[in-house]
Amino acid sequence: MLKLSRQAAGLTQEKLAELLGVDATTVQGWESGRRPLAAVGAGELVKLSARLSRAGAPASTGRHLNEAIEADLVLSTGITAGGSWVDPDHHPLAAAVHRKTITNLITWPFTGTTPPQLADFTSKVPGGGRSPHIRC
């Protein structure tokens, strides 16, 4: 979602890093999943979303980044657990009833179907925004 937001704003990884005051490898790490965006503080995530929107990404960037983090938590829990049981007290699917927008984000890497709520982003990106890779 971060990559799609950056591309929708017409920014390179280097330019986004410059806007945020971070190294380009930090942006690369966030986009590849090597550095979880969920580890970024809430205040920094708000600043990141605002800067992307000011740079030309859709105004809904912050909401979609938050939903993407929630979807990533579900996916990473499943990947980490493998075939093991995850106690409902620790599984993100047991925490709340998830909205269709989050379900669409969770299934995106498997189906290759870009979630319809991202149309404002994909219309600005050449190729329409490919499905993300799942890191196992």
Protein backbone atom coordinates (compact mmCIF):
# COMPACT_ATOMS: atom_id res chain seq x y z
CA MET A 1 0.00 0.00 0.00
CA LEU A 2 2.87 2.35 0.75
CA LYS A 3 4.41 1.69 -2.66
CA LEU A 4 1.06 2.27 -4.36
CA SER A 5 0.61 5.54 -2.42
CA ARG A 6 4.11 6.67 -3.33
CA GLN A 7 3.58 5.82 -7.00
CA ALA A 8 0.18 7.56 -7.01
CA ALA A 9 1.95 10.69 -5.77
CA GLY A 10 4.48 10.35 -8.59
CA LEU A 11 7.41 9.98 -6.19
CA THR A 12 10.49 7.81 -6.39
CA GLN A 13 11.68 5.98 -3.30
CA GLU A 14 14.53 8.46 -3.07
CA LYS A 15 12.23 11.50 -3.27
CA LEU A 16 9.87 10.08 -0.63
CA ALA A 17 12.85 9.36 1.63
CA GLU A 18 13.98 12.96 1.18
CA LEU A 19 10.50 14.29 2.06
CA LEU A 20 10.44 12.13 5.19
CA GLY A 21 14.01 12.78 6.24
CA VAL A 22 14.94 9.09 6.14
CA ASP A 23 17.36 7.02 4.10
CA ALA A 24 16.11 5.53 0.82
CA THR A 25 16.84 2.05 2.22
CA THR A 26 14.23 2.72 4.91
CA VAL A 27 11.55 3.33 2.27
CA GLN A 28 12.77 0.27 0.35
CA GLY A 29 12.52 -1.79 3.55
CA TRP A 30 8.97 -0.61 4.25
CA GLU A 31 7.86 -1.37 0.70
CA SER A 32 9.48 -4.81 0.60
CA GLY A 33 8.27 -5.85 4.04
CA ARG A 34 11.79 -6.15 5.48
CA ARG A 35 10.92 -3.30 7.86
CA PRO A 36 7.31 -3.51 9.00
CA LEU A 37 5.40 -0.27 8.66
CA ALA A 38 3.51 -1.41 11.77
CA ALA A 39 6.70 -0.70 13.74
CA VAL A 40 6.51 3.01 12.85
CA GLY A 41 5.03 5.13 15.65
CA ALA A 42 1.48 6.39 15.27
CA GLY A 43 2.58 10.02 15.04
CA GLU A 44 5.15 9.22 12.36
CA LEU A 45 2.53 7.28 10.39
CA VAL A 46 0.22 10.32 10.47
CA LYS A 47 3.07 12.52 9.20
CA LEU A 48 3.92 9.99 6.48
CA SER A 49 0.30 9.88 5.31
CA ALA A 50 0.00 13.66 5.31
CA ARG A 51 3.21 14.11 3.32
CA LEU A 52 2.09 11.55 0.75
CA SER A 53 -1.28 13.28 0.38
CA ARG A 54 0.35 16.70 0.04
CA ALA A 55 2.64 15.24 -2.62
CA GLY A 56 -0.34 14.06 -4.69
CA ALA A 57 -1.50 10.72 -3.27
CA PRO A 58 -5.26 10.44 -2.67
CA ALA A 59 -6.58 12.04 0.51
CA SER A 60 -7.61 8.59 1.77
CA THR A 61 -3.96 7.49 2.02
CA GLY A 62 -3.88 7.49 5.84
CA ARG A 63 -6.99 5.34 6.15
CA HIS A 64 -5.71 2.85 3.59
CA LEU A 65 -2.25 2.64 5.19
CA ASN A 66 -3.89 1.87 8.55
CA GLU A 67 -6.05 -0.82 6.94
CA ALA A 68 -2.99 -2.26 5.18
CA ILE A 69 -1.16 -2.51 8.51
CA GLU A 70 -4.15 -4.34 9.98
CA ALA A 71 -4.20 -6.73 7.00
CA ASP A 72 -0.44 -7.28 7.34
CA LEU A 73 -0.90 -8.27 10.98
CA VAL A 74 -3.41 -10.95 9.95
CA LEU A 75 -1.12 -12.25 7.19
CA SER A 76 2.04 -12.22 9.31
CA THR A 77 0.26 -14.04 12.14
CA GLY A 78 -0.75 -16.81 9.75
CA ILE A 79 2.69 -17.02 8.14
CA THR A 80 4.47 -17.09 11.50
CA ALA A 81 2.09 -19.70 12.95
CA GLY A 82 2.36 -22.04 9.97
CA GLY A 83 0.43 -25.13 11.02
CA SER A 84 0.48 -24.22 14.71
CA TRP A 85 -2.54 -23.20 16.76
CA VAL A 86 -2.83 -19.48 17.55
CA ASP A 87 -4.68 -18.67 20.74
CA PRO A 88 -7.71 -16.45 19.98
CA ASP A 89 -6.44 -13.93 22.54
CA HIS A 90 -3.45 -13.34 20.26
CA HIS A 91 -4.96 -13.72 16.78
CA PRO A 92 -5.95 -10.48 15.00
CA LEU A 93 -8.96 -12.16 13.36
CA ALA A 94 -10.42 -12.77 16.82
CA ALA A 95 -10.00 -9.12 17.84
CA ALA A 96 -12.78 -7.64 15.73
CA VAL A 97 -15.16 -8.17 12.86
CA HIS A 98 -13.10 -7.08 9.89
CA ARG A 99 -14.54 -4.85 7.22
CA LYS A 100 -14.66 -5.90 3.58
CA THR A 101 -11.95 -3.34 2.78
CA ILE A 102 -9.53 -5.19 5.06
CA THR A 103 -10.61 -8.59 3.75
CA ASN A 104 -9.90 -7.33 0.23
CA LEU A 105 -6.40 -6.28 1.31
CA ILE A 106 -5.78 -9.65 3.00
CA THR A 107 -6.75 -11.60 -0.14
CA TRP A 108 -4.98 -9.29 -2.63
CA PRO A 109 -1.63 -11.17 -2.60
CA PHE A 110 -3.44 -14.48 -3.19
CA THR A 111 -5.96 -13.44 -5.84
CA GLY A 112 -3.97 -10.76 -7.64
CA THR A 113 -7.19 -8.73 -7.72
CA THR A 114 -6.59 -5.13 -6.71
CA PRO A 115 -9.13 -4.12 -4.04
CA PRO A 116 -11.83 -1.84 -5.48
CA GLN A 117 -11.30 0.72 -2.71
CA LEU A 118 -7.87 1.45 -4.22
CA ALA A 119 -9.20 2.69 -7.58
CA ASP A 120 -8.09 6.27 -6.79
CA PHE A 121 -4.55 4.96 -6.39
CA THR A 122 -4.35 2.48 -9.25
CA SER A 123 -5.75 4.95 -11.77
CA LYS A 124 -2.65 7.11 -11.16
CA VAL A 125 -0.11 4.26 -11.40
CA PRO A 126 1.16 2.78 -14.67
CA GLY A 127 0.13 -0.88 -14.75
CA GLY A 128 -2.65 -0.31 -12.22
CA GLY A 129 -0.83 -1.49 -9.10
CA ARG A 130 0.32 -5.10 -9.09
CA SER A 131 -0.46 -7.40 -6.19
CA PRO A 132 2.02 -7.33 -3.31
CA HIS A 133 4.39 -10.20 -2.62
CA ILE A 134 3.98 -12.33 0.47
CA ARG A 135 7.23 -12.79 2.35
CA CYS A 136 7.40 -16.23 3.96
